Amino acid sequence: MAIKKQIIKTKPVVKVTFSIQAKEANAAAVVGDFNNWNPAEGELSKLKNGTFKATFDLPKDNTFEFKYLVDGSYVNDPEADRYAYNEFAGSENSVLAL
């Protein structure tokens, strides 16, 4: 799993690339505050090496809670900036700070 951040100096956004290794999975998405936890808005494309990956423009100077959704199971990113307990989910979410 990896998170890559690219600051765009001419716009108030950060290009964030999410990737997760899931060779056996059929589908993966990143869901979080930035897309209303909607898997359709966070679909990741599967590469030949089994990694799912996508890049999203997110507003800078924000923090977002998120998780990966891999074949119906929620997974945190070990490279997240930090973790936050979410009472609604009853578990910790990954946190992305931009």
PDB file of N, CA and C in Angstrom:
ATOM      1  N   MET A   1       0.848  -1.173   0.000  1.00  0.00           N
ATOM      2  CA  MET A   1       0.000   0.000   0.000  1.00  0.00           C
ATOM      3  C   MET A   1       0.891   1.232   0.000  1.00  0.00           C
ATOM      4  N   ALA A   2       0.393   2.236  -0.633  1.00  0.00           N
ATOM      5  CA  ALA A   2       1.177   3.460  -0.692  1.00  0.00           C
ATOM      6  C   ALA A   2       0.270   4.648  -0.980  1.00  0.00           C
ATOM      7  N   ILE A   3       0.724   5.785  -0.486  1.00  0.00           N
ATOM      8  CA  ILE A   3       0.056   7.045  -0.753  1.00  0.00           C
ATOM      9  C   ILE A   3       1.120   7.994  -1.284  1.00  0.00           C
ATOM     10  N   LYS A   4       0.862   8.583  -2.436  1.00  0.00           N
ATOM     11  CA  LYS A   4       1.789   9.555  -3.009  1.00  0.00           C
ATOM     12  C   LYS A   4       1.056  10.881  -3.127  1.00  0.00           C
ATOM     13  N   LYS A   5       1.676  11.955  -2.623  1.00  0.00           N
ATOM     14  CA  LYS A   5       1.068  13.282  -2.667  1.00  0.00           C
ATOM     15  C   LYS A   5       1.903  14.192  -3.569  1.00  0.00           C
ATOM     16  N   GLN A   6       1.235  14.888  -4.479  1.00  0.00           N
ATOM     17  CA  GLN A   6       1.898  15.845  -5.351  1.00  0.00           C
ATOM     18  C   GLN A   6       1.166  17.173  -5.225  1.00  0.00           C
ATOM     19  N   ILE A   7       1.844  18.168  -4.652  1.00  0.00           N
ATOM     20  CA  ILE A   7       1.234  19.490  -4.464  1.00  0.00           C
ATOM     21  C   ILE A   7       1.249  20.231  -5.795  1.00  0.00           C
ATOM     22  N   ILE A   8       0.099  20.789  -6.152  1.00  0.00           N
ATOM     23  CA  ILE A   8      -0.033  21.584  -7.367  1.00  0.00           C
ATOM     24  C   ILE A   8       0.049  23.056  -6.960  1.00  0.00           C
ATOM     25  N   LYS A   9       1.126  23.730  -7.348  1.00  0.00           N
ATOM     26  CA  LYS A   9       1.357  25.102  -6.893  1.00  0.00           C
ATOM     27  C   LYS A   9       0.383  26.112  -7.480  1.00  0.00           C
ATOM     28  N   THR A  10      -0.178  25.815  -8.647  1.00  0.00           N
ATOM     29  CA  THR A  10      -1.068  26.773  -9.302  1.00  0.00           C
ATOM     30  C   THR A  10      -2.537  26.578  -8.938  1.00  0.00           C
ATOM     31  N   LYS A  11      -2.845  25.525  -8.184  1.00  0.00           N
ATOM     32  CA  LYS A  11      -4.228  25.245  -7.797  1.00  0.00           C
ATOM     33  C   LYS A  11      -4.271  24.865  -6.322  1.00  0.00           C
ATOM     34  N   PRO A  12      -5.432  25.041  -5.672  1.00  0.00           N
ATOM     35  CA  PRO A  12      -5.553  24.675  -4.251  1.00  0.00           C
ATOM     36  C   PRO A  12      -5.844  23.184  -4.066  1.00  0.00           C
ATOM     37  N   VAL A  13      -5.140  22.333  -4.813  1.00  0.00           N
ATOM     38  CA  VAL A  13      -5.370  20.894  -4.730  1.00  0.00           C
ATOM     39  C   VAL A  13      -4.050  20.146  -4.584  1.00  0.00           C
ATOM     40  N   VAL A  14      -4.180  18.923  -4.114  1.00  0.00           N
ATOM     41  CA  VAL A  14      -3.065  17.993  -4.052  1.00  0.00           C
ATOM     42  C   VAL A  14      -3.482  16.756  -4.832  1.00  0.00           C
ATOM     43  N   LYS A  15      -2.644  16.309  -5.763  1.00  0.00           N
ATOM     44  CA  LYS A  15      -2.908  15.061  -6.482  1.00  0.00           C
ATOM     45  C   LYS A  15      -2.453  13.931  -5.571  1.00  0.00           C
ATOM     46  N   VAL A  16      -3.402  13.094  -5.178  1.00  0.00           N
ATOM     47  CA  VAL A  16      -3.096  11.996  -4.263  1.00  0.00           C
ATOM     48  C   VAL A  16      -3.308  10.684  -5.007  1.00  0.00           C
ATOM     49  N   THR A  17      -2.255   9.876  -5.039  1.00  0.00           N
ATOM     50  CA  THR A  17      -2.330   8.565  -5.667  1.00  0.00           C
ATOM     51  C   THR A  17      -2.412   7.514  -4.570  1.00  0.00           C
ATOM     52  N   PHE A  18      -3.480   6.755  -4.595  1.00  0.00           N
ATOM     53  CA  PHE A  18      -3.687   5.654  -3.653  1.00  0.00           C
ATOM     54  C   PHE A  18      -3.375   4.354  -4.380  1.00  0.00           C
ATOM     55  N   SER A  19      -2.651   3.458  -3.721  1.00  0.00           N
ATOM     56  CA  SER A  19      -2.428   2.137  -4.318  1.00  0.00           C
ATOM     57  C   SER A  19      -2.407   1.080  -3.231  1.00  0.00           C
ATOM     58  N   ILE A  20      -2.922  -0.086  -3.602  1.00  0.00           N
ATOM     59  CA  ILE A  20      -2.980  -1.207  -2.662  1.00  0.00           C
ATOM     60  C   ILE A  20      -2.691  -2.492  -3.435  1.00  0.00           C
ATOM     61  N   GLN A  21      -1.831  -3.307  -2.877  1.00  0.00           N
ATOM     62  CA  GLN A  21      -1.499  -4.602  -3.469  1.00  0.00           C
ATOM     63  C   GLN A  21      -2.579  -5.602  -3.075  1.00  0.00           C
ATOM     64  N   ALA A  22      -3.261  -6.166  -4.069  1.00  0.00           N
ATOM     65  CA  ALA A  22      -4.338  -7.128  -3.805  1.00  0.00           C
ATOM     66  C   ALA A  22      -4.484  -8.044  -5.013  1.00  0.00           C
ATOM     67  N   LYS A  23      -3.491  -8.897  -5.225  1.00  0.00           N
ATOM     68  CA  LYS A  23      -3.433  -9.744  -6.422  1.00  0.00           C
ATOM     69  C   LYS A  23      -4.666 -10.621  -6.604  1.00  0.00           C
ATOM     70  N   GLU A  24      -5.203 -11.134  -5.519  1.00  0.00           N
ATOM     71  CA  GLU A  24      -6.331 -12.061  -5.611  1.00  0.00           C
ATOM     72  C   GLU A  24      -7.689 -11.360  -5.665  1.00  0.00           C
ATOM     73  N   ALA A  25      -7.706 -10.052  -5.454  1.00  0.00           N
ATOM     74  CA  ALA A  25      -8.978  -9.314  -5.387  1.00  0.00           C
ATOM     75  C   ALA A  25      -9.556  -9.069  -6.777  1.00  0.00           C
ATOM     76  N   ASN A  26     -10.865  -8.954  -6.810  1.00  0.00           N
ATOM     77  CA  ASN A  26     -11.573  -8.627  -8.047  1.00  0.00           C
ATOM     78  C   ASN A  26     -11.830  -7.134  -8.187  1.00  0.00           C
ATOM     79  N   ALA A  27     -12.010  -6.441  -7.050  1.00  0.00           N
ATOM     80  CA  ALA A  27     -12.325  -5.016  -7.080  1.00  0.00           C
ATOM     81  C   ALA A  27     -11.775  -4.330  -5.841  1.00  0.00           C
ATOM     82  N   ALA A  28     -11.403  -3.068  -6.017  1.00  0.00           N
ATOM     83  CA  ALA A  28     -10.923  -2.272  -4.882  1.00  0.00           C
ATOM     84  C   ALA A  28     -11.294  -0.812  -5.118  1.00  0.00           C
ATOM     85  N   ALA A  29     -11.517  -0.118  -4.022  1.00  0.00           N
ATOM     86  CA  ALA A  29     -11.843   1.309  -4.077  1.00  0.00           C
ATOM     87  C   ALA A  29     -11.265   1.966  -2.832  1.00  0.00           C
ATOM     88  N   VAL A  30     -11.077   3.276  -2.910  1.00  0.00           N
ATOM     89  CA  VAL A  30     -10.733   4.049  -1.729  1.00  0.00           C
ATOM     90  C   VAL A  30     -11.974   4.863  -1.395  1.00  0.00           C
ATOM     91  N   VAL A  31     -12.407   4.782  -0.156  1.00  0.00           N
ATOM     92  CA  VAL A  31     -13.606   5.499   0.288  1.00  0.00           C
ATOM     93  C   VAL A  31     -13.236   6.351   1.492  1.00  0.00           C
ATOM     94  N   GLY A  32     -13.857   7.535   1.576  1.00  0.00           N
ATOM     95  CA  GLY A  32     -13.536   8.410   2.694  1.00  0.00           C
ATOM     96  C   GLY A  32     -14.365   9.674   2.683  1.00  0.00           C
ATOM     97  N   ASP A  33     -13.965  10.584   3.568  1.00  0.00           N
ATOM     98  CA  ASP A  33     -14.657  11.865   3.687  1.00  0.00           C
ATOM     99  C   ASP A  33     -14.700  12.621   2.363  1.00  0.00           C
ATOM    100  N   PHE A  34     -13.677  12.459   1.545  1.00  0.00           N
ATOM    101  CA  PHE A  34     -13.555  13.218   0.304  1.00  0.00           C
ATOM    102  C   PHE A  34     -14.504  12.754  -0.791  1.00  0.00           C
ATOM    103  N   ASN A  35     -15.096  11.557  -0.654  1.00  0.00           N
ATOM    104  CA  ASN A  35     -16.058  11.087  -1.668  1.00  0.00           C
ATOM    105  C   ASN A  35     -17.327  10.507  -1.036  1.00  0.00           C
ATOM    106  N   ASN A  36     -17.641  10.971   0.162  1.00  0.00           N
ATOM    107  CA  ASN A  36     -18.843  10.540   0.882  1.00  0.00           C
ATOM    108  C   ASN A  36     -18.901   9.028   1.073  1.00  0.00           C
ATOM    109  N   TRP A  37     -17.731   8.393   1.200  1.00  0.00           N
ATOM    110  CA  TRP A  37     -17.627   6.952   1.436  1.00  0.00           C
ATOM    111  C   TRP A  37     -18.324   6.148   0.327  1.00  0.00           C
ATOM    112  N   ASN A  38     -18.294   6.696  -0.892  1.00  0.00           N
ATOM    113  CA  ASN A  38     -18.957   6.081  -2.035  1.00  0.00           C
ATOM    114  C   ASN A  38     -17.942   5.295  -2.870  1.00  0.00           C
ATOM    115  N   PRO A  39     -18.020   3.962  -2.890  1.00  0.00           N
ATOM    116  CA  PRO A  39     -17.060   3.165  -3.653  1.00  0.00           C
ATOM    117  C   PRO A  39     -17.048   3.484  -5.151  1.00  0.00           C
ATOM    118  N   ALA A  40     -18.190   3.871  -5.711  1.00  0.00           N
ATOM    119  CA  ALA A  40     -18.250   4.191  -7.139  1.00  0.00           C
ATOM    120  C   ALA A  40     -17.391   5.404  -7.473  1.00  0.00           C
ATOM    121  N   GLU A  41     -17.230   6.313  -6.525  1.00  0.00           N
ATOM    122  CA  GLU A  41     -16.431   7.519  -6.750  1.00  0.00           C
ATOM    123  C   GLU A  41     -14.960   7.310  -6.410  1.00  0.00           C
ATOM    124  N   GLY A  42     -14.622   6.159  -5.869  1.00  0.00           N
ATOM    125  CA  GLY A  42     -13.243   5.894  -5.481  1.00  0.00           C
ATOM    126  C   GLY A  42     -12.665   4.631  -6.090  1.00  0.00           C
ATOM    127  N   GLU A  43     -13.208   4.224  -7.233  1.00  0.00           N
ATOM    128  CA  GLU A  43     -12.741   2.987  -7.861  1.00  0.00           C
ATOM    129  C   GLU A  43     -11.261   3.053  -8.190  1.00  0.00           C
ATOM    130  N   LEU A  44     -10.569   1.956  -7.925  1.00  0.00           N
ATOM    131  CA  LEU A  44      -9.160   1.830  -8.260  1.00  0.00           C
ATOM    132  C   LEU A  44      -9.032   0.862  -9.436  1.00  0.00           C
ATOM    133  N   SER A  45      -8.112   1.152 -10.335  1.00  0.00           N
ATOM    134  CA  SER A  45      -7.882   0.299 -11.501  1.00  0.00           C
ATOM    135  C   SER A  45      -6.854  -0.766 -11.166  1.00  0.00           C
ATOM    136  N   LYS A  46      -7.104  -1.988 -11.614  1.00  0.00           N
ATOM    137  CA  LYS A  46      -6.181  -3.087 -11.351  1.00  0.00           C
ATOM    138  C   LYS A  46      -5.103  -3.122 -12.428  1.00  0.00           C
ATOM    139  N   LEU A  47      -3.843  -3.116 -11.989  1.00  0.00           N
ATOM    140  CA  LEU A  47      -2.711  -3.213 -12.890  1.00  0.00           C
ATOM    141  C   LEU A  47      -2.317  -4.676 -13.062  1.00  0.00           C
ATOM    142  N   LYS A  48      -1.494  -4.959 -14.058  1.00  0.00           N
ATOM    143  CA  LYS A  48      -1.084  -6.340 -14.335  1.00  0.00           C
ATOM    144  C   LYS A  48      -0.350  -6.996 -13.164  1.00  0.00           C
ATOM    145  N   ASN A  49       0.331  -6.199 -12.343  1.00  0.00           N
ATOM    146  CA  ASN A  49       1.091  -6.761 -11.214  1.00  0.00           C
ATOM    147  C   ASN A  49       0.223  -7.022  -9.983  1.00  0.00           C
ATOM    148  N   GLY A  50      -1.092  -6.779 -10.082  1.00  0.00           N
ATOM    149  CA  GLY A  50      -1.992  -7.047  -8.973  1.00  0.00           C
ATOM    150  C   GLY A  50      -2.237  -5.867  -8.057  1.00  0.00           C
ATOM    151  N   THR A  51      -1.636  -4.724  -8.379  1.00  0.00           N
ATOM    152  CA  THR A  51      -1.848  -3.505  -7.597  1.00  0.00           C
ATOM    153  C   THR A  51      -3.071  -2.772  -8.134  1.00  0.00           C
ATOM    154  N   PHE A  52      -3.884  -2.266  -7.222  1.00  0.00           N
ATOM    155  CA  PHE A  52      -4.998  -1.390  -7.589  1.00  0.00           C
ATOM    156  C   PHE A  52      -4.540   0.040  -7.332  1.00  0.00           C
ATOM    157  N   LYS A  53      -4.841   0.956  -8.266  1.00  0.00           N
ATOM    158  CA  LYS A  53      -4.278   2.298  -8.165  1.00  0.00           C
ATOM    159  C   LYS A  53      -5.182   3.327  -8.834  1.00  0.00           C
ATOM    160  N   ALA A  54      -5.203   4.555  -8.275  1.00  0.00           N
ATOM    161  CA  ALA A  54      -5.904   5.683  -8.896  1.00  0.00           C
ATOM    162  C   ALA A  54      -5.410   6.972  -8.257  1.00  0.00           C
ATOM    163  N   THR A  55      -5.554   8.069  -9.008  1.00  0.00           N
ATOM    164  CA  THR A  55      -5.146   9.387  -8.535  1.00  0.00           C
ATOM    165  C   THR A  55      -6.367  10.294  -8.470  1.00  0.00           C
ATOM    166  N   PHE A  56      -6.458  11.061  -7.381  1.00  0.00           N
ATOM    167  CA  PHE A  56      -7.587  11.971  -7.167  1.00  0.00           C
ATOM    168  C   PHE A  56      -7.054  13.348  -6.796  1.00  0.00           C
ATOM    169  N   ASP A  57      -7.740  14.400  -7.250  1.00  0.00           N
ATOM    170  CA  ASP A  57      -7.423  15.770  -6.849  1.00  0.00           C
ATOM    171  C   ASP A  57      -8.228  16.083  -5.593  1.00  0.00           C
ATOM    172  N   LEU A  58      -7.516  16.355  -4.501  1.00  0.00           N
ATOM    173  CA  LEU A  58      -8.174  16.653  -3.230  1.00  0.00           C
ATOM    174  C   LEU A  58      -7.778  18.051  -2.773  1.00  0.00           C
ATOM    175  N   PRO A  59      -8.689  18.769  -2.121  1.00  0.00           N
ATOM    176  CA  PRO A  59      -8.378  20.127  -1.668  1.00  0.00           C
ATOM    177  C   PRO A  59      -7.291  20.118  -0.590  1.00  0.00           C
ATOM    178  N   LYS A  60      -6.292  20.992  -0.785  1.00  0.00           N
ATOM    179  CA  LYS A  60      -5.195  21.013   0.181  1.00  0.00           C
ATOM    180  C   LYS A  60      -5.617  21.712   1.469  1.00  0.00           C
ATOM    181  N   ASP A  61      -4.755  21.594   2.474  1.00  0.00           N
ATOM    182  CA  ASP A  61      -4.994  22.141   3.812  1.00  0.00           C
ATOM    183  C   ASP A  61      -6.218  21.506   4.470  1.00  0.00           C
ATOM    184  N   ASN A  62      -6.390  20.202   4.243  1.00  0.00           N
ATOM    185  CA  ASN A  62      -7.491  19.440   4.821  1.00  0.00           C
ATOM    186  C   ASN A  62      -6.976  18.114   5.358  1.00  0.00           C
ATOM    187  N   THR A  63      -7.782  17.492   6.199  1.00  0.00           N
ATOM    188  CA  THR A  63      -7.513  16.114   6.604  1.00  0.00           C
ATOM    189  C   THR A  63      -8.754  15.296   6.275  1.00  0.00           C
ATOM    190  N   PHE A  64      -8.525  14.056   5.882  1.00  0.00           N
ATOM    191  CA  PHE A  64      -9.616  13.179   5.480  1.00  0.00           C
ATOM    192  C   PHE A  64      -9.435  11.812   6.112  1.00  0.00           C
ATOM    193  N   GLU A  65     -10.521  11.234   6.596  1.00  0.00           N
ATOM    194  CA  GLU A  65     -10.508   9.839   7.028  1.00  0.00           C
ATOM    195  C   GLU A  65     -10.844   8.992   5.811  1.00  0.00           C
ATOM    196  N   PHE A  66     -10.193   7.816   5.709  1.00  0.00           N
ATOM    197  CA  PHE A  66     -10.444   6.946   4.566  1.00  0.00           C
ATOM    198  C   PHE A  66     -10.086   5.504   4.893  1.00  0.00           C
ATOM    199  N   LYS A  67     -10.543   4.611   4.040  1.00  0.00           N
ATOM    200  CA  LYS A  67     -10.178   3.185   4.070  1.00  0.00           C
ATOM    201  C   LYS A  67     -10.207   2.672   2.641  1.00  0.00           C
ATOM    202  N   TYR A  68      -9.560   1.547   2.441  1.00  0.00           N
ATOM    203  CA  TYR A  68      -9.703   0.827   1.178  1.00  0.00           C
ATOM    204  C   TYR A  68     -10.835  -0.173   1.348  1.00  0.00           C
ATOM    205  N   LEU A  69     -11.576  -0.383   0.287  1.00  0.00           N
ATOM    206  CA  LEU A  69     -12.631  -1.393   0.257  1.00  0.00           C
ATOM    207  C   LEU A  69     -12.210  -2.423  -0.786  1.00  0.00           C
ATOM    208  N   VAL A  70     -11.772  -3.599  -0.307  1.00  0.00           N
ATOM    209  CA  VAL A  70     -11.243  -4.645  -1.189  1.00  0.00           C
ATOM    210  C   VAL A  70     -12.172  -5.849  -1.122  1.00  0.00           C
ATOM    211  N   ASP A  71     -12.845  -6.114  -2.225  1.00  0.00           N
ATOM    212  CA  ASP A  71     -13.810  -7.215  -2.289  1.00  0.00           C
ATOM    213  C   ASP A  71     -14.753  -7.230  -1.087  1.00  0.00           C
ATOM    214  N   GLY A  72     -15.236  -6.044  -0.703  1.00  0.00           N
ATOM    215  CA  GLY A  72     -16.213  -5.931   0.372  1.00  0.00           C
ATOM    216  C   GLY A  72     -15.645  -5.818   1.772  1.00  0.00           C
ATOM    217  N   SER A  73     -14.316  -5.906   1.929  1.00  0.00           N
ATOM    218  CA  SER A  73     -13.682  -5.790   3.251  1.00  0.00           C
ATOM    219  C   SER A  73     -12.931  -4.472   3.354  1.00  0.00           C
ATOM    220  N   TYR A  74     -13.088  -3.805   4.508  1.00  0.00           N
ATOM    221  CA  TYR A  74     -12.401  -2.537   4.741  1.00  0.00           C
ATOM    222  C   TYR A  74     -10.987  -2.790   5.259  1.00  0.00           C
ATOM    223  N   VAL A  75     -10.030  -2.036   4.715  1.00  0.00           N
ATOM    224  CA  VAL A  75      -8.625  -2.191   5.060  1.00  0.00           C
ATOM    225  C   VAL A  75      -8.016  -0.809   5.283  1.00  0.00           C
ATOM    226  N   ASN A  76      -7.262  -0.635   6.371  1.00  0.00           N
ATOM    227  CA  ASN A  76      -6.535   0.609   6.598  1.00  0.00           C
ATOM    228  C   ASN A  76      -5.218   0.600   5.845  1.00  0.00           C
ATOM    229  N   ASP A  77      -4.676   1.788   5.612  1.00  0.00           N
ATOM    230  CA  ASP A  77      -3.389   1.924   4.948  1.00  0.00           C
ATOM    231  C   ASP A  77      -2.300   2.072   6.001  1.00  0.00           C
ATOM    232  N   PRO A  78      -1.312   1.161   6.035  1.00  0.00           N
ATOM    233  CA  PRO A  78      -0.253   1.264   7.038  1.00  0.00           C
ATOM    234  C   PRO A  78       0.623   2.504   6.858  1.00  0.00           C
ATOM    235  N   GLU A  79       0.556   3.142   5.690  1.00  0.00           N
ATOM    236  CA  GLU A  79       1.344   4.343   5.447  1.00  0.00           C
ATOM    237  C   GLU A  79       0.532   5.620   5.634  1.00  0.00           C
ATOM    238  N   ALA A  80      -0.634   5.516   6.265  1.00  0.00           N
ATOM    239  CA  ALA A  80      -1.459   6.701   6.532  1.00  0.00           C
ATOM    240  C   ALA A  80      -0.704   7.657   7.436  1.00  0.00           C
ATOM    241  N   ASP A  81      -1.072   8.933   7.375  1.00  0.00           N
ATOM    242  CA  ASP A  81      -0.416   9.937   8.211  1.00  0.00           C
ATOM    243  C   ASP A  81      -0.680   9.692   9.690  1.00  0.00           C
ATOM    244  N   ARG A  82      -1.850   9.168   9.983  1.00  0.00           N
ATOM    245  CA  ARG A  82      -2.206   8.763  11.354  1.00  0.00           C
ATOM    246  C   ARG A  82      -3.519   7.999  11.280  1.00  0.00           C
ATOM    247  N   TYR A  83      -4.048   7.621  12.424  1.00  0.00           N
ATOM    248  CA  TYR A  83      -5.317   6.892  12.494  1.00  0.00           C
ATOM    249  C   TYR A  83      -6.238   7.610  13.471  1.00  0.00           C
ATOM    250  N   ALA A  84      -7.539   7.488  13.241  1.00  0.00           N
ATOM    251  CA  ALA A  84      -8.528   8.121  14.111  1.00  0.00           C
ATOM    252  C   ALA A  84      -9.659   7.132  14.358  1.00  0.00           C
ATOM    253  N   TYR A  85     -10.053   7.010  15.625  1.00  0.00           N
ATOM    254  CA  TYR A  85     -11.177   6.136  15.957  1.00  0.00           C
ATOM    255  C   TYR A  85     -12.463   6.784  15.470  1.00  0.00           C
ATOM    256  N   ASN A  86     -13.307   5.996  14.814  1.00  0.00           N
ATOM    257  CA  ASN A  86     -14.574   6.474  14.292  1.00  0.00           C
ATOM    258  C   ASN A  86     -15.684   5.700  14.970  1.00  0.00           C
ATOM    259  N   GLU A  87     -16.515   6.389  15.754  1.00  0.00           N
ATOM    260  CA  GLU A  87     -17.579   5.714  16.501  1.00  0.00           C
ATOM    261  C   GLU A  87     -18.624   5.106  15.581  1.00  0.00           C
ATOM    262  N   PHE A  88     -18.900   5.743  14.453  1.00  0.00           N
ATOM    263  CA  PHE A  88     -19.894   5.214  13.513  1.00  0.00           C
ATOM    264  C   PHE A  88     -19.444   3.853  12.991  1.00  0.00           C
ATOM    265  N   ALA A  89     -18.172   3.751  12.636  1.00  0.00           N
ATOM    266  CA  ALA A  89     -17.635   2.493  12.105  1.00  0.00           C
ATOM    267  C   ALA A  89     -17.255   1.523  13.218  1.00  0.00           C
ATOM    268  N   GLY A  90     -17.010   2.060  14.414  1.00  0.00           N
ATOM    269  CA  GLY A  90     -16.590   1.208  15.524  1.00  0.00           C
ATOM    270  C   GLY A  90     -15.169   0.694  15.361  1.00  0.00           C
ATOM    271  N   SER A  91     -14.365   1.425  14.586  1.00  0.00           N
ATOM    272  CA  SER A  91     -12.977   1.032  14.365  1.00  0.00           C
ATOM    273  C   SER A  91     -12.163   2.258  13.983  1.00  0.00           C
ATOM    274  N   GLU A  92     -10.873   2.051  13.809  1.00  0.00           N
ATOM    275  CA  GLU A  92     -10.005   3.150  13.385  1.00  0.00           C
ATOM    276  C   GLU A  92     -10.051   3.295  11.869  1.00  0.00           C
ATOM    277  N   ASN A  93      -9.956   4.538  11.425  1.00  0.00           N
ATOM    278  CA  ASN A  93      -9.826   4.847  10.013  1.00  0.00           C
ATOM    279  C   ASN A  93      -8.436   5.401   9.769  1.00  0.00           C
ATOM    280  N   SER A  94      -7.944   5.239   8.559  1.00  0.00           N
ATOM    281  CA  SER A  94      -6.715   5.892   8.150  1.00  0.00           C
ATOM    282  C   SER A  94      -7.012   7.385   8.010  1.00  0.00           C
ATOM    283  N   VAL A  95      -5.997   8.227   8.248  1.00  0.00           N
ATOM    284  CA  VAL A  95      -6.160   9.670   8.099  1.00  0.00           C
ATOM    285  C   VAL A  95      -5.111  10.175   7.125  1.00  0.00           C
ATOM    286  N   LEU A  96      -5.549  11.007   6.187  1.00  0.00           N
ATOM    287  CA  LEU A  96      -4.690  11.632   5.205  1.00  0.00           C
ATOM    288  C   LEU A  96      -4.665  13.121   5.494  1.00  0.00           C
ATOM    289  N   ALA A  97      -3.478  13.688   5.709  1.00  0.00           N
ATOM    290  CA  ALA A  97      -3.325  15.109   5.974  1.00  0.00           C
ATOM    291  C   ALA A  97      -2.675  15.784   4.766  1.00  0.00           C
ATOM    292  N   LEU A  98      -3.348  16.798   4.240  1.00  0.00           N
ATOM    293  CA  LEU A  98      -2.816  17.498   3.052  1.00  0.00           C
ATOM    294  C   LEU A  98      -2.450  18.919   3.394  1.00  0.00           C
TER     295      LEU A  98
END
